[in-house]
Amino acid sequence: MDADGVEVARATAQLHLADALPRRWTHVQGVAAKARSLSGLVGEDQHLLVAAAFLHDIGYSPEIRDTGFHALDGARWLRRNGFEPRLAGLVAYHSCAAYEAAE
């Protein structure tokens, strides 16, 4: 993942969240800003971290939502649309999603 990948992630999140879910888009921008501020701590994965921050809630989009479990819906959509598996994995497992899935 490089800086261009981060821009694709940002634009994708904006396309699917900004109009439909403006409060969610604001949240995502805040998470991405925090990820950017911490990205130097993860070395070569810094762009992947920021891209995941932009896309972590993409599954809330009405266009993407399928099962109603946003982490899974987002990850599945990312894979179907050619995003790299590691990025989809970060989206799938963000915010203790494995525990939420069990519930």
Protein backbone atom coordinates (compact mmCIF):
# COMPACT_ATOMS: atom_id res chain seq x y z
CA MET A 1 0.00 0.00 0.00
CA ASP A 2 1.27 3.46 -0.88
CA ALA A 3 0.03 7.06 -0.68
CA ASP A 4 -2.06 6.54 -3.83
CA GLY A 5 -3.82 3.64 -2.09
CA VAL A 6 -4.64 5.92 0.82
CA GLU A 7 -6.18 8.43 -1.58
CA VAL A 8 -8.27 5.70 -3.21
CA ALA A 9 -9.45 4.63 0.27
CA ARG A 10 -10.32 8.21 1.22
CA ALA A 11 -12.21 8.84 -2.01
CA THR A 12 -14.06 5.53 -1.72
CA ALA A 13 -15.13 6.26 1.85
CA GLN A 14 -16.21 9.76 0.92
CA LEU A 15 -18.23 8.49 -2.05
CA HIS A 16 -20.13 5.97 0.05
CA LEU A 17 -20.47 7.84 3.35
CA ALA A 18 -20.36 11.63 2.96
CA ASP A 19 -23.86 12.19 1.56
CA ALA A 20 -25.65 9.12 2.91
CA LEU A 21 -24.18 9.21 6.42
CA PRO A 22 -22.51 12.57 7.07
CA ARG A 23 -21.96 11.97 10.79
CA ARG A 24 -20.29 8.64 10.01
CA TRP A 25 -18.10 10.38 7.39
CA THR A 26 -17.06 12.97 10.00
CA HIS A 27 -16.18 10.16 12.41
CA VAL A 28 -14.16 8.34 9.72
CA GLN A 29 -12.19 11.50 8.93
CA GLY A 30 -11.35 11.86 12.63
CA VAL A 31 -10.19 8.26 12.87
CA ALA A 32 -8.06 8.69 9.75
CA ALA A 33 -6.48 11.86 11.18
CA LYS A 34 -5.58 9.99 14.38
CA ALA A 35 -4.21 7.08 12.34
CA ARG A 36 -2.08 9.50 10.33
CA SER A 37 -0.68 11.01 13.52
CA LEU A 38 0.32 7.54 14.74
CA SER A 39 1.33 6.05 11.41
CA GLY A 40 5.05 6.58 11.92
CA LEU A 41 4.92 3.95 14.66
CA VAL A 42 4.03 1.14 12.27
CA GLY A 43 6.85 1.53 9.74
CA GLU A 44 6.16 0.20 6.27
CA ASP A 45 2.48 -0.39 7.08
CA GLN A 46 1.75 3.29 7.70
CA HIS A 47 -0.28 3.73 4.50
CA LEU A 48 -2.22 0.54 5.19
CA LEU A 49 -3.15 1.84 8.65
CA VAL A 50 -4.48 5.12 7.28
CA ALA A 51 -6.36 3.41 4.43
CA ALA A 52 -7.99 1.04 6.94
CA ALA A 53 -8.99 4.01 9.07
CA PHE A 54 -10.75 5.60 6.11
CA LEU A 55 -12.53 2.37 5.21
CA HIS A 56 -13.26 0.84 8.61
CA ASP A 57 -16.95 1.89 8.59
CA ILE A 58 -17.66 1.54 4.86
CA GLY A 59 -20.02 -1.35 5.67
CA TYR A 60 -22.52 1.13 7.13
CA SER A 61 -23.15 2.54 3.65
CA PRO A 62 -26.67 1.74 2.43
CA GLU A 63 -25.14 0.75 -0.92
CA ILE A 64 -22.76 -1.74 0.71
CA ARG A 65 -24.74 -3.01 3.68
CA ASP A 66 -25.75 -6.64 3.30
CA THR A 67 -25.88 -8.61 6.56
CA GLY A 68 -26.14 -5.59 8.84
CA PHE A 69 -22.80 -6.42 10.49
CA HIS A 70 -20.80 -3.47 9.19
CA ALA A 71 -17.32 -4.93 9.69
CA LEU A 72 -18.19 -8.04 7.68
CA ASP A 73 -20.17 -6.17 5.04
CA GLY A 74 -17.35 -3.69 4.52
CA ALA A 75 -14.65 -6.34 4.30
CA ARG A 76 -16.61 -8.47 1.87
CA TRP A 77 -17.35 -5.46 -0.32
CA LEU A 78 -13.68 -4.45 -0.32
CA ARG A 79 -12.60 -7.93 -1.45
CA ARG A 80 -15.25 -8.04 -4.20
CA ASN A 81 -14.01 -4.68 -5.43
CA GLY A 82 -10.33 -5.55 -5.68
CA PHE A 83 -8.95 -4.10 -2.45
CA GLU A 84 -6.05 -6.02 -0.95
CA PRO A 85 -6.76 -8.84 1.52
CA ARG A 86 -4.81 -7.27 4.41
CA LEU A 87 -6.89 -4.12 4.16
CA ALA A 88 -10.12 -6.10 4.10
CA GLY A 89 -8.88 -8.08 7.10
CA LEU A 90 -8.24 -4.93 9.11
CA VAL A 91 -11.75 -3.73 8.31
CA ALA A 92 -13.24 -7.13 9.17
CA TYR A 93 -11.59 -7.28 12.59
CA HIS A 94 -11.67 -3.66 13.74
CA SER A 95 -13.17 -2.69 17.10
CA CYS A 96 -13.34 -6.22 18.50
CA ALA A 97 -15.57 -7.31 15.63
CA ALA A 98 -14.89 -10.97 16.38
CA TYR A 99 -16.57 -10.54 19.76
CA GLU A 100 -19.48 -8.62 18.25
CA ALA A 101 -19.96 -11.38 15.69
CA ALA A 102 -20.28 -13.95 18.45
CA GLU A 103 -23.07 -11.89 19.97
